[in-house]
Amino acid sequence: MSSTVKSVAMGNGMRDAWKRDRIHGLRLSIIEGGREMVAARLFDSEGGNLSARIDEDRFLITPAGKAKDELAIDDLFEIEIASPNVPEGASSEVGLHRAIYARFPAIHAVVHAHPEKILDLAGDGLAPDPKRLVNGGSVLDRVSFIEDFPPGSRSLAEEVALGISMAPSLVIAAHGAVTVGATVDQAVIRMVRLERLALVTRGG
């Protein structure tokens, strides 16, 4: 084997190893994000879903029906952004996450949850007011609000993507909230702040 061929092979091997390490890191960030959301009481035992973009074509998402503080590496599903297929056992809201990733290349993480205070506020047709959150502007400066649509439906996915085009945090009437970020950590922090903001908005 020539030195050129060896160099190319080594380069490809290093690139493949880097990709595997990166995907493994994304899986770990989702697992940690799920634990944080449960600890903050923003995910119930089995509800809610969390995802992270792998590249322009794929993302990872949590399974349906499993506690998000008990996830293992192999529990996560790899989803094709351009494909309509939903693997058996994956979150029922794959379409919601897929619509966001397809429309916004800069978004690398999505959290969908049903926090108590946000739902209470949304029940009155209201969204948390960012003006009430001290020093929150850099993380949570805007919040969208949309009406509810059937869970897992295409109409819900499309409306969520439209709402996210106007703000990184979104409240769905009677259905919870969606936050996005450049990282899983940022999307989780936004959801935590959004729930706190809902409490402050209601109290005010």
N, C-alpha and C. Protein backbone atom coordinates (compact mmCIF):
# COMPACT_ATOMS: atom_id res chain seq x y z
N MET A 1 0.85 -1.18 0.00
CA MET A 1 0.00 0.00 0.00
C MET A 1 0.89 1.24 0.00
N SER A 2 0.61 2.19 -0.91
CA SER A 2 1.42 3.38 -1.01
C SER A 2 1.20 4.28 0.20
N SER A 3 2.18 5.19 0.42
CA SER A 3 2.04 6.12 1.54
C SER A 3 0.83 7.01 1.39
N THR A 4 0.48 7.36 0.15
CA THR A 4 -0.70 8.21 -0.09
C THR A 4 -1.97 7.49 0.31
N VAL A 5 -2.06 6.22 -0.11
CA VAL A 5 -3.25 5.43 0.23
C VAL A 5 -3.34 5.23 1.74
N LYS A 6 -2.18 4.96 2.38
CA LYS A 6 -2.18 4.81 3.83
C LYS A 6 -2.65 6.08 4.52
N SER A 7 -2.20 7.23 4.03
CA SER A 7 -2.58 8.51 4.63
C SER A 7 -4.08 8.74 4.51
N VAL A 8 -4.62 8.41 3.32
CA VAL A 8 -6.06 8.57 3.11
C VAL A 8 -6.84 7.65 4.03
N ALA A 9 -6.38 6.40 4.15
CA ALA A 9 -7.05 5.43 5.02
C ALA A 9 -7.02 5.88 6.47
N MET A 10 -5.85 6.37 6.90
CA MET A 10 -5.74 6.86 8.27
C MET A 10 -6.64 8.06 8.51
N GLY A 11 -6.69 8.95 7.50
CA GLY A 11 -7.55 10.12 7.62
C GLY A 11 -9.01 9.76 7.73
N ASN A 12 -9.43 8.78 6.89
CA ASN A 12 -10.82 8.33 6.94
C ASN A 12 -11.13 7.65 8.27
N GLY A 13 -10.16 6.87 8.77
CA GLY A 13 -10.37 6.20 10.04
C GLY A 13 -10.52 7.17 11.19
N MET A 14 -9.69 8.21 11.19
CA MET A 14 -9.78 9.23 12.24
C MET A 14 -11.10 9.98 12.15
N ARG A 15 -11.53 10.26 10.91
CA ARG A 15 -12.79 10.97 10.73
C ARG A 15 -13.96 10.13 11.21
N ASP A 16 -13.93 8.83 10.90
CA ASP A 16 -15.00 7.93 11.35
C ASP A 16 -15.01 7.83 12.88
N ALA A 17 -13.82 7.76 13.47
CA ALA A 17 -13.74 7.68 14.93
C ALA A 17 -14.28 8.96 15.57
N TRP A 18 -13.96 10.09 14.95
CA TRP A 18 -14.46 11.37 15.48
C TRP A 18 -15.98 11.42 15.41
N LYS A 19 -16.54 10.92 14.31
CA LYS A 19 -17.99 10.91 14.16
C LYS A 19 -18.64 10.03 15.22
N ARG A 20 -18.04 8.85 15.45
CA ARG A 20 -18.59 7.94 16.46
C ARG A 20 -18.52 8.57 17.85
N ASP A 21 -17.41 9.21 18.15
CA ASP A 21 -17.26 9.86 19.45
C ASP A 21 -18.27 11.00 19.61
N ARG A 22 -18.48 11.74 18.53
CA ARG A 22 -19.41 12.87 18.59
C ARG A 22 -20.84 12.38 18.82
N ILE A 23 -21.24 11.33 18.12
CA ILE A 23 -22.59 10.80 18.29
C ILE A 23 -22.76 10.24 19.70
N HIS A 24 -21.71 9.57 20.19
CA HIS A 24 -21.76 9.06 21.57
C HIS A 24 -21.93 10.22 22.55
N GLY A 25 -21.22 11.31 22.30
CA GLY A 25 -21.35 12.48 23.16
C GLY A 25 -22.74 13.07 23.11
N LEU A 26 -23.36 13.08 21.94
CA LEU A 26 -24.73 13.58 21.81
C LEU A 26 -25.70 12.70 22.59
N ARG A 27 -25.49 11.40 22.51
CA ARG A 27 -26.34 10.48 23.26
C ARG A 27 -26.23 10.75 24.77
N LEU A 28 -25.02 10.96 25.23
CA LEU A 28 -24.81 11.25 26.65
C LEU A 28 -25.46 12.57 27.04
N SER A 29 -25.41 13.56 26.15
CA SER A 29 -26.02 14.86 26.47
C SER A 29 -27.54 14.75 26.56
N ILE A 30 -28.14 13.92 25.73
CA ILE A 30 -29.58 13.69 25.80
C ILE A 30 -29.95 12.99 27.10
N ILE A 31 -29.16 11.97 27.45
CA ILE A 31 -29.42 11.24 28.70
C ILE A 31 -29.33 12.19 29.90
N GLU A 32 -28.30 13.02 29.93
CA GLU A 32 -28.15 13.98 31.02
C GLU A 32 -29.26 15.01 31.01
N GLY A 33 -29.64 15.47 29.81
CA GLY A 33 -30.74 16.42 29.70
C GLY A 33 -32.05 15.84 30.22
N GLY A 34 -32.30 14.56 29.94
CA GLY A 34 -33.51 13.91 30.45
C GLY A 34 -33.51 13.86 31.96
N ARG A 35 -32.36 13.56 32.55
CA ARG A 35 -32.27 13.52 34.02
C ARG A 35 -32.53 14.89 34.62
N GLU A 36 -31.96 15.92 34.00
CA GLU A 36 -32.15 17.28 34.50
C GLU A 36 -33.61 17.70 34.42
N MET A 37 -34.27 17.33 33.33
CA MET A 37 -35.67 17.70 33.16
C MET A 37 -36.56 17.00 34.18
N VAL A 38 -36.28 15.74 34.46
CA VAL A 38 -37.05 15.02 35.47
C VAL A 38 -36.79 15.60 36.85
N ALA A 39 -35.52 15.89 37.14
CA ALA A 39 -35.16 16.46 38.45
C ALA A 39 -35.85 17.80 38.67
N ALA A 40 -36.03 18.56 37.59
CA ALA A 40 -36.69 19.87 37.68
C ALA A 40 -38.21 19.73 37.59
N ARG A 41 -38.70 18.49 37.50
CA ARG A 41 -40.14 18.20 37.42
C ARG A 41 -40.77 18.80 36.16
N LEU A 42 -40.01 18.80 35.08
CA LEU A 42 -40.51 19.30 33.81
C LEU A 42 -40.88 18.15 32.87
N PHE A 43 -40.34 16.97 33.14
CA PHE A 43 -40.78 15.73 32.51
C PHE A 43 -41.43 14.90 33.60
N ASP A 44 -42.60 14.30 33.29
CA ASP A 44 -43.15 13.34 34.23
C ASP A 44 -42.46 12.00 33.98
N SER A 45 -42.97 10.92 34.55
CA SER A 45 -42.26 9.65 34.50
C SER A 45 -41.99 9.17 33.09
N GLU A 46 -42.92 9.39 32.17
CA GLU A 46 -42.75 8.88 30.82
C GLU A 46 -43.00 9.93 29.74
N GLY A 47 -43.57 11.08 30.09
CA GLY A 47 -43.93 12.08 29.10
C GLY A 47 -42.77 12.95 28.67
N GLY A 48 -42.99 13.71 27.60
CA GLY A 48 -41.98 14.62 27.09
C GLY A 48 -40.99 13.92 26.17
N ASN A 49 -40.26 14.69 25.40
CA ASN A 49 -39.27 14.14 24.48
C ASN A 49 -38.16 15.15 24.22
N LEU A 50 -37.01 14.63 23.88
CA LEU A 50 -35.80 15.45 23.73
C LEU A 50 -34.99 14.89 22.57
N SER A 51 -34.40 15.79 21.78
CA SER A 51 -33.62 15.33 20.63
C SER A 51 -32.39 16.20 20.41
N ALA A 52 -31.46 15.67 19.60
CA ALA A 52 -30.25 16.40 19.25
C ALA A 52 -29.87 16.09 17.81
N ARG A 53 -29.50 17.11 17.06
CA ARG A 53 -29.11 16.92 15.67
C ARG A 53 -27.73 16.24 15.58
N ILE A 54 -27.62 15.25 14.71
CA ILE A 54 -26.33 14.63 14.42
C ILE A 54 -25.61 15.41 13.31
N ASP A 55 -26.33 15.63 12.21
CA ASP A 55 -25.80 16.37 11.08
C ASP A 55 -26.97 16.91 10.28
N GLU A 56 -26.73 17.29 9.02
CA GLU A 56 -27.81 17.88 8.23
C GLU A 56 -28.88 16.86 7.86
N ASP A 57 -28.60 15.58 8.05
CA ASP A 57 -29.53 14.54 7.62
C ASP A 57 -30.20 13.75 8.74
N ARG A 58 -29.63 13.80 9.96
CA ARG A 58 -30.10 12.90 11.01
C ARG A 58 -30.16 13.59 12.37
N PHE A 59 -31.01 13.03 13.25
CA PHE A 59 -31.03 13.46 14.64
C PHE A 59 -31.35 12.27 15.54
N LEU A 60 -31.04 12.41 16.81
CA LEU A 60 -31.34 11.41 17.82
C LEU A 60 -32.54 11.87 18.64
N ILE A 61 -33.39 10.94 19.04
CA ILE A 61 -34.56 11.31 19.84
C ILE A 61 -34.84 10.23 20.89
N THR A 62 -35.47 10.65 21.97
CA THR A 62 -35.81 9.74 23.06
C THR A 62 -36.95 8.78 22.67
N PRO A 63 -37.05 7.65 23.35
CA PRO A 63 -38.12 6.69 23.06
C PRO A 63 -39.43 7.10 23.71
N ALA A 64 -40.49 6.46 23.27
CA ALA A 64 -41.80 6.64 23.90
C ALA A 64 -41.92 5.71 25.10
N GLY A 65 -42.62 6.17 26.12
CA GLY A 65 -43.00 5.29 27.21
C GLY A 65 -41.90 4.85 28.14
N LYS A 66 -40.79 5.59 28.19
CA LYS A 66 -39.74 5.25 29.14
C LYS A 66 -39.35 6.48 29.94
N ALA A 67 -39.16 6.29 31.24
CA ALA A 67 -38.79 7.42 32.10
C ALA A 67 -37.50 8.05 31.58
N LYS A 68 -37.50 9.38 31.47
CA LYS A 68 -36.36 10.07 30.88
C LYS A 68 -35.17 10.21 31.82
N ASP A 69 -35.32 9.78 33.05
CA ASP A 69 -34.17 9.74 33.96
C ASP A 69 -33.61 8.33 34.08
N GLU A 70 -34.08 7.43 33.20
CA GLU A 70 -33.60 6.04 33.21
C GLU A 70 -33.12 5.61 31.83
N LEU A 71 -32.79 6.58 30.98
CA LEU A 71 -32.39 6.27 29.62
C LEU A 71 -30.99 5.67 29.56
N ALA A 72 -30.79 4.76 28.62
CA ALA A 72 -29.48 4.20 28.34
C ALA A 72 -29.07 4.60 26.91
N ILE A 73 -27.81 4.46 26.61
CA ILE A 73 -27.28 4.85 25.30
C ILE A 73 -28.09 4.25 24.16
N ASP A 74 -28.41 2.97 24.27
CA ASP A 74 -29.08 2.27 23.17
C ASP A 74 -30.58 2.53 23.10
N ASP A 75 -31.12 3.29 24.04
CA ASP A 75 -32.56 3.59 24.02
C ASP A 75 -32.91 4.64 22.98
N LEU A 76 -31.94 5.43 22.56
CA LEU A 76 -32.22 6.56 21.67
C LEU A 76 -32.34 6.09 20.22
N PHE A 77 -33.18 6.78 19.47
CA PHE A 77 -33.44 6.43 18.07
C PHE A 77 -32.78 7.43 17.14
N GLU A 78 -32.17 6.91 16.09
CA GLU A 78 -31.60 7.76 15.05
C GLU A 78 -32.64 7.94 13.95
N ILE A 79 -32.97 9.20 13.66
CA ILE A 79 -34.06 9.53 12.73
C ILE A 79 -33.52 10.26 11.51
N GLU A 80 -34.03 9.89 10.33
CA GLU A 80 -33.70 10.59 9.09
C GLU A 80 -34.61 11.81 8.95
N ILE A 81 -34.02 12.97 8.78
CA ILE A 81 -34.81 14.20 8.70
C ILE A 81 -35.71 14.22 7.47
N ALA A 82 -35.20 13.73 6.35
CA ALA A 82 -35.96 13.80 5.10
C ALA A 82 -36.96 12.66 4.92
N SER A 83 -36.94 11.68 5.82
CA SER A 83 -37.83 10.52 5.68
C SER A 83 -39.08 10.67 6.54
N PRO A 84 -40.23 10.22 6.06
CA PRO A 84 -41.45 10.28 6.86
C PRO A 84 -41.57 9.13 7.85
N ASN A 85 -40.65 8.19 7.80
CA ASN A 85 -40.74 7.00 8.64
C ASN A 85 -40.49 7.32 10.11
N VAL A 86 -41.24 6.65 10.97
CA VAL A 86 -41.06 6.76 12.42
C VAL A 86 -40.80 5.35 12.96
N PRO A 87 -39.61 5.09 13.44
CA PRO A 87 -39.30 3.74 13.95
C PRO A 87 -40.22 3.36 15.11
N GLU A 88 -40.59 2.10 15.16
CA GLU A 88 -41.42 1.62 16.26
C GLU A 88 -40.69 1.82 17.59
N GLY A 89 -41.38 2.44 18.54
CA GLY A 89 -40.80 2.67 19.85
C GLY A 89 -40.25 4.06 20.04
N ALA A 90 -40.10 4.82 18.94
CA ALA A 90 -39.62 6.20 19.05
C ALA A 90 -40.74 7.10 19.54
N SER A 91 -40.37 8.28 20.02
CA SER A 91 -41.37 9.25 20.49
C SER A 91 -42.44 9.50 19.43
N SER A 92 -43.66 9.66 19.88
CA SER A 92 -44.76 9.94 18.96
C SER A 92 -44.66 11.33 18.34
N GLU A 93 -43.78 12.16 18.89
CA GLU A 93 -43.62 13.52 18.37
C GLU A 93 -42.39 13.66 17.46
N VAL A 94 -41.97 12.58 16.84
CA VAL A 94 -40.85 12.65 15.90
C VAL A 94 -41.10 13.72 14.84
N GLY A 95 -42.33 13.80 14.34
CA GLY A 95 -42.66 14.77 13.29
C GLY A 95 -42.42 16.20 13.71
N LEU A 96 -42.71 16.52 14.96
CA LEU A 96 -42.48 17.87 15.49
C LEU A 96 -40.99 18.21 15.44
N HIS A 97 -40.17 17.31 15.93
CA HIS A 97 -38.72 17.53 15.93
C HIS A 97 -38.18 17.59 14.50
N ARG A 98 -38.68 16.67 13.66
CA ARG A 98 -38.22 16.62 12.26
C ARG A 98 -38.53 17.93 11.53
N ALA A 99 -39.72 18.49 11.76
CA ALA A 99 -40.10 19.74 11.09
C ALA A 99 -39.17 20.89 11.49
N ILE A 100 -38.77 20.92 12.75
CA ILE A 100 -37.88 21.99 13.22
C ILE A 100 -36.49 21.83 12.60
N TYR A 101 -35.94 20.62 12.63
CA TYR A 101 -34.60 20.41 12.08
C TYR A 101 -34.56 20.65 10.57
N ALA A 102 -35.62 20.27 9.88
CA ALA A 102 -35.66 20.46 8.43
C ALA A 102 -35.68 21.93 8.05
N ARG A 103 -36.31 22.73 8.87
CA ARG A 103 -36.48 24.16 8.54
C ARG A 103 -35.34 25.03 9.07
N PHE A 104 -34.70 24.61 10.16
CA PHE A 104 -33.70 25.48 10.81
C PHE A 104 -32.38 24.75 11.01
N PRO A 105 -31.45 24.86 10.07
CA PRO A 105 -30.15 24.17 10.17
C PRO A 105 -29.34 24.57 11.41
N ALA A 106 -29.56 25.77 11.92
CA ALA A 106 -28.78 26.23 13.08
C ALA A 106 -29.28 25.65 14.40
N ILE A 107 -30.45 25.03 14.41
CA ILE A 107 -30.98 24.42 15.63
C ILE A 107 -30.41 23.02 15.78
N HIS A 108 -29.85 22.73 16.95
CA HIS A 108 -29.20 21.44 17.18
C HIS A 108 -29.82 20.66 18.35
N ALA A 109 -30.84 21.20 18.99
CA ALA A 109 -31.50 20.46 20.07
C ALA A 109 -32.93 20.96 20.23
N VAL A 110 -33.82 20.04 20.57
CA VAL A 110 -35.24 20.37 20.77
C VAL A 110 -35.75 19.66 22.02
N VAL A 111 -36.47 20.38 22.87
CA VAL A 111 -37.12 19.81 24.04
C VAL A 111 -38.61 20.08 23.95
N HIS A 112 -39.42 19.04 24.17
CA HIS A 112 -40.88 19.19 24.23
C HIS A 112 -41.34 18.64 25.57
N ALA A 113 -41.98 19.48 26.36
CA ALA A 113 -42.38 19.06 27.71
C ALA A 113 -43.78 19.58 28.03
N HIS A 114 -44.30 19.13 29.17
CA HIS A 114 -45.64 19.53 29.61
C HIS A 114 -45.59 20.06 31.04
N PRO A 115 -44.82 21.11 31.28
CA PRO A 115 -44.66 21.62 32.65
C PRO A 115 -45.95 22.19 33.23
N GLU A 116 -46.14 21.97 34.51
CA GLU A 116 -47.39 22.32 35.20
C GLU A 116 -47.74 23.80 35.09
N LYS A 117 -46.80 24.68 35.41
CA LYS A 117 -47.10 26.12 35.44
C LYS A 117 -47.36 26.66 34.04
N ILE A 118 -46.62 26.15 33.07
CA ILE A 118 -46.84 26.57 31.68
C ILE A 118 -48.23 26.15 31.22
N LEU A 119 -48.61 24.91 31.55
CA LEU A 119 -49.93 24.42 31.16
C LEU A 119 -51.05 25.22 31.83
N ASP A 120 -50.86 25.57 33.10
CA ASP A 120 -51.86 26.38 33.80
C ASP A 120 -52.06 27.72 33.10
N LEU A 121 -50.97 28.33 32.72
CA LEU A 121 -51.03 29.64 32.05
C LEU A 121 -51.64 29.51 30.65
N ALA A 122 -51.21 28.48 29.94
CA ALA A 122 -51.71 28.26 28.58
C ALA A 122 -53.20 27.97 28.57
N GLY A 123 -53.70 27.38 29.68
CA GLY A 123 -55.13 27.11 29.77
C GLY A 123 -55.98 28.36 29.70
N ASP A 124 -55.38 29.49 30.05
CA ASP A 124 -56.07 30.79 29.95
C ASP A 124 -55.71 31.53 28.68
N GLY A 125 -55.05 30.81 27.76
CA GLY A 125 -54.67 31.42 26.49
C GLY A 125 -53.49 32.37 26.60
N LEU A 126 -52.65 32.16 27.62
CA LEU A 126 -51.53 33.07 27.86
C LEU A 126 -50.19 32.35 27.73
N ALA A 127 -49.16 33.14 27.42
CA ALA A 127 -47.79 32.64 27.41
C ALA A 127 -46.97 33.41 28.43
N PRO A 128 -45.92 32.84 28.98
CA PRO A 128 -45.06 33.56 29.92
C PRO A 128 -44.53 34.85 29.29
N ASP A 129 -44.42 35.87 30.11
CA ASP A 129 -43.97 37.19 29.64
C ASP A 129 -42.48 37.36 29.94
N PRO A 130 -41.61 37.37 28.92
CA PRO A 130 -40.16 37.48 29.15
C PRO A 130 -39.74 38.75 29.88
N LYS A 131 -40.57 39.79 29.82
CA LYS A 131 -40.22 41.05 30.49
C LYS A 131 -40.17 40.90 32.01
N ARG A 132 -40.78 39.83 32.51
CA ARG A 132 -40.82 39.62 33.95
C ARG A 132 -39.65 38.81 34.48
N LEU A 133 -38.80 38.30 33.57
CA LEU A 133 -37.68 37.47 33.99
C LEU A 133 -36.41 38.32 34.04
N VAL A 134 -35.92 38.59 35.23
CA VAL A 134 -34.74 39.42 35.42
C VAL A 134 -33.52 38.72 34.83
N ASN A 135 -32.78 39.45 33.99
CA ASN A 135 -31.57 38.94 33.36
C ASN A 135 -31.81 37.70 32.51
N GLY A 136 -33.02 37.56 32.01
CA GLY A 136 -33.31 36.37 31.21
C GLY A 136 -33.26 36.59 29.73
N GLY A 137 -33.04 37.82 29.31
CA GLY A 137 -33.13 38.16 27.90
C GLY A 137 -32.20 37.39 26.99
N SER A 138 -30.99 37.09 27.45
CA SER A 138 -30.02 36.40 26.59
C SER A 138 -30.40 34.95 26.33
N VAL A 139 -31.22 34.38 27.19
CA VAL A 139 -31.61 32.97 27.06
C VAL A 139 -33.07 32.85 26.62
N LEU A 140 -33.90 33.75 27.08
CA LEU A 140 -35.35 33.63 26.88
C LEU A 140 -35.94 35.01 26.60
N ASP A 141 -35.62 35.56 25.46
CA ASP A 141 -36.06 36.92 25.17
C ASP A 141 -37.42 36.99 24.47
N ARG A 142 -37.84 35.87 23.86
CA ARG A 142 -39.11 35.85 23.13
C ARG A 142 -39.81 34.51 23.36
N VAL A 143 -41.14 34.55 23.39
CA VAL A 143 -41.93 33.32 23.55
C VAL A 143 -43.10 33.37 22.58
N SER A 144 -43.25 32.33 21.76
CA SER A 144 -44.39 32.24 20.85
C SER A 144 -45.53 31.48 21.52
N PHE A 145 -46.73 31.64 20.97
CA PHE A 145 -47.90 30.92 21.47
C PHE A 145 -48.71 30.45 20.28
N ILE A 146 -49.07 29.16 20.26
CA ILE A 146 -49.91 28.63 19.19
C ILE A 146 -51.06 27.83 19.80
N GLU A 147 -52.10 27.66 19.02
CA GLU A 147 -53.22 26.83 19.45
C GLU A 147 -52.82 25.36 19.37
N ASP A 148 -53.57 24.51 20.05
CA ASP A 148 -53.23 23.09 20.09
C ASP A 148 -53.73 22.37 18.85
N PHE A 149 -53.02 21.31 18.49
CA PHE A 149 -53.40 20.43 17.40
C PHE A 149 -53.21 19.00 17.89
N PRO A 150 -53.78 18.01 17.21
CA PRO A 150 -53.66 16.63 17.68
C PRO A 150 -52.20 16.22 17.88
N PRO A 151 -51.88 15.57 18.99
CA PRO A 151 -50.51 15.12 19.23
C PRO A 151 -49.99 14.24 18.11
N GLY A 152 -48.76 14.48 17.69
CA GLY A 152 -48.15 13.67 16.65
C GLY A 152 -48.60 14.00 15.24
N SER A 153 -49.47 15.00 15.10
CA SER A 153 -50.02 15.32 13.78
C SER A 153 -49.09 16.21 12.95
N ARG A 154 -49.28 16.17 11.65
CA ARG A 154 -48.50 17.03 10.75
C ARG A 154 -48.84 18.50 11.00
N SER A 155 -50.11 18.78 11.28
CA SER A 155 -50.51 20.17 11.51
C SER A 155 -49.81 20.73 12.75
N LEU A 156 -49.67 19.92 13.80
CA LEU A 156 -48.96 20.37 15.00
C LEU A 156 -47.50 20.65 14.66
N ALA A 157 -46.87 19.74 13.94
CA ALA A 157 -45.46 19.91 13.57
C ALA A 157 -45.24 21.18 12.77
N GLU A 158 -46.12 21.44 11.82
CA GLU A 158 -45.98 22.63 10.97
C GLU A 158 -46.18 23.91 11.76
N GLU A 159 -47.17 23.93 12.65
CA GLU A 159 -47.42 25.12 13.45
C GLU A 159 -46.30 25.38 14.45
N VAL A 160 -45.75 24.32 15.02
CA VAL A 160 -44.63 24.48 15.94
C VAL A 160 -43.42 25.07 15.21
N ALA A 161 -43.13 24.55 14.02
CA ALA A 161 -42.01 25.08 13.23
C ALA A 161 -42.23 26.55 12.91
N LEU A 162 -43.45 26.92 12.60
CA LEU A 162 -43.76 28.32 12.32
C LEU A 162 -43.55 29.18 13.56
N GLY A 163 -44.00 28.69 14.71
CA GLY A 163 -43.82 29.43 15.96
C GLY A 163 -42.37 29.58 16.34
N ILE A 164 -41.57 28.53 16.10
CA ILE A 164 -40.15 28.57 16.43
C ILE A 164 -39.41 29.55 15.52
N SER A 165 -39.95 29.81 14.34
CA SER A 165 -39.32 30.79 13.45
C SER A 165 -39.36 32.19 14.04
N MET A 166 -40.23 32.39 15.03
CA MET A 166 -40.37 33.72 15.65
C MET A 166 -39.77 33.81 17.04
N ALA A 167 -39.49 32.66 17.67
CA ALA A 167 -38.93 32.66 19.03
C ALA A 167 -38.35 31.29 19.34
N PRO A 168 -37.30 31.22 20.17
CA PRO A 168 -36.69 29.93 20.51
C PRO A 168 -37.47 29.14 21.57
N SER A 169 -38.52 29.75 22.09
CA SER A 169 -39.37 29.09 23.09
C SER A 169 -40.82 29.27 22.67
N LEU A 170 -41.61 28.22 22.81
CA LEU A 170 -42.98 28.24 22.30
C LEU A 170 -43.91 27.52 23.26
N VAL A 171 -45.09 28.08 23.46
CA VAL A 171 -46.12 27.45 24.29
C VAL A 171 -47.26 26.99 23.38
N ILE A 172 -47.70 25.75 23.60
CA ILE A 172 -48.82 25.19 22.84
C ILE A 172 -50.01 25.09 23.78
N ALA A 173 -51.11 25.71 23.41
CA ALA A 173 -52.29 25.70 24.26
C ALA A 173 -52.68 24.27 24.61
N ALA A 174 -52.80 23.99 25.92
CA ALA A 174 -53.22 22.67 26.43
C ALA A 174 -52.27 21.54 26.08
N HIS A 175 -51.06 21.87 25.62
CA HIS A 175 -50.16 20.80 25.18
C HIS A 175 -48.73 20.98 25.68
N GLY A 176 -48.43 22.04 26.38
CA GLY A 176 -47.09 22.19 26.93
C GLY A 176 -46.25 23.21 26.21
N ALA A 177 -44.98 22.88 26.00
CA ALA A 177 -44.05 23.86 25.45
C ALA A 177 -42.94 23.18 24.66
N VAL A 178 -42.29 23.97 23.81
CA VAL A 178 -41.15 23.51 23.03
C VAL A 178 -40.06 24.56 23.15
N THR A 179 -38.83 24.12 23.42
CA THR A 179 -37.69 25.02 23.40
C THR A 179 -36.60 24.42 22.52
N VAL A 180 -35.80 25.29 21.91
CA VAL A 180 -34.73 24.82 21.03
C VAL A 180 -33.42 25.48 21.44
N GLY A 181 -32.32 24.95 20.90
CA GLY A 181 -31.03 25.55 21.23
C GLY A 181 -29.92 25.05 20.33
N ALA A 182 -28.76 25.66 20.48
CA ALA A 182 -27.57 25.23 19.77
C ALA A 182 -27.00 23.97 20.39
N THR A 183 -27.40 23.70 21.64
CA THR A 183 -26.98 22.50 22.37
C THR A 183 -28.17 21.99 23.17
N VAL A 184 -28.07 20.75 23.63
CA VAL A 184 -29.11 20.19 24.50
C VAL A 184 -29.20 21.02 25.77
N ASP A 185 -28.07 21.38 26.32
CA ASP A 185 -28.05 22.14 27.55
C ASP A 185 -28.80 23.46 27.41
N GLN A 186 -28.60 24.15 26.29
CA GLN A 186 -29.28 25.43 26.08
C GLN A 186 -30.80 25.24 25.97
N ALA A 187 -31.22 24.19 25.25
CA ALA A 187 -32.66 23.94 25.12
C ALA A 187 -33.28 23.60 26.47
N VAL A 188 -32.57 22.83 27.29
CA VAL A 188 -33.06 22.47 28.63
C VAL A 188 -33.14 23.71 29.51
N ILE A 189 -32.11 24.54 29.50
CA ILE A 189 -32.11 25.77 30.30
C ILE A 189 -33.29 26.65 29.92
N ARG A 190 -33.57 26.74 28.64
CA ARG A 190 -34.70 27.56 28.20
C ARG A 190 -36.02 27.02 28.74
N MET A 191 -36.17 25.69 28.79
CA MET A 191 -37.40 25.13 29.33
C MET A 191 -37.51 25.40 30.83
N VAL A 192 -36.40 25.28 31.55
CA VAL A 192 -36.39 25.58 32.98
C VAL A 192 -36.78 27.03 33.22
N ARG A 193 -36.19 27.94 32.45
CA ARG A 193 -36.51 29.35 32.60
C ARG A 193 -37.96 29.64 32.23
N LEU A 194 -38.45 28.95 31.20
CA LEU A 194 -39.83 29.18 30.75
C LEU A 194 -40.83 28.80 31.84
N GLU A 195 -40.58 27.69 32.53
CA GLU A 195 -41.48 27.27 33.62
C GLU A 195 -41.43 28.27 34.78
N ARG A 196 -40.23 28.74 35.12
CA ARG A 196 -40.12 29.75 36.17
C ARG A 196 -40.83 31.03 35.77
N LEU A 197 -40.68 31.39 34.52
CA LEU A 197 -41.33 32.60 34.02
C LEU A 197 -42.85 32.47 34.05
N ALA A 198 -43.35 31.28 33.78
CA ALA A 198 -44.80 31.06 33.85
C ALA A 198 -45.32 31.29 35.26
N LEU A 199 -44.54 30.85 36.25
CA LEU A 199 -44.92 31.06 37.65
C LEU A 199 -44.92 32.54 37.99
N VAL A 200 -43.89 33.25 37.54
CA VAL A 200 -43.79 34.69 37.81
C VAL A 200 -44.92 35.44 37.10
N THR A 201 -45.21 35.05 35.87
CA THR A 201 -46.28 35.72 35.11
C THR A 201 -47.63 35.51 35.81
N ARG A 202 -47.89 34.30 36.26
CA ARG A 202 -49.15 34.02 36.96
C ARG A 202 -49.23 34.77 38.27
N GLY A 203 -48.11 34.81 38.97
CA GLY A 203 -48.10 35.50 40.27
C GLY A 203 -48.27 36.99 40.15
N GLY A 204 -47.84 37.54 38.97
CA GLY A 204 -47.93 38.99 38.79
C GLY A 204 -49.29 39.44 38.35
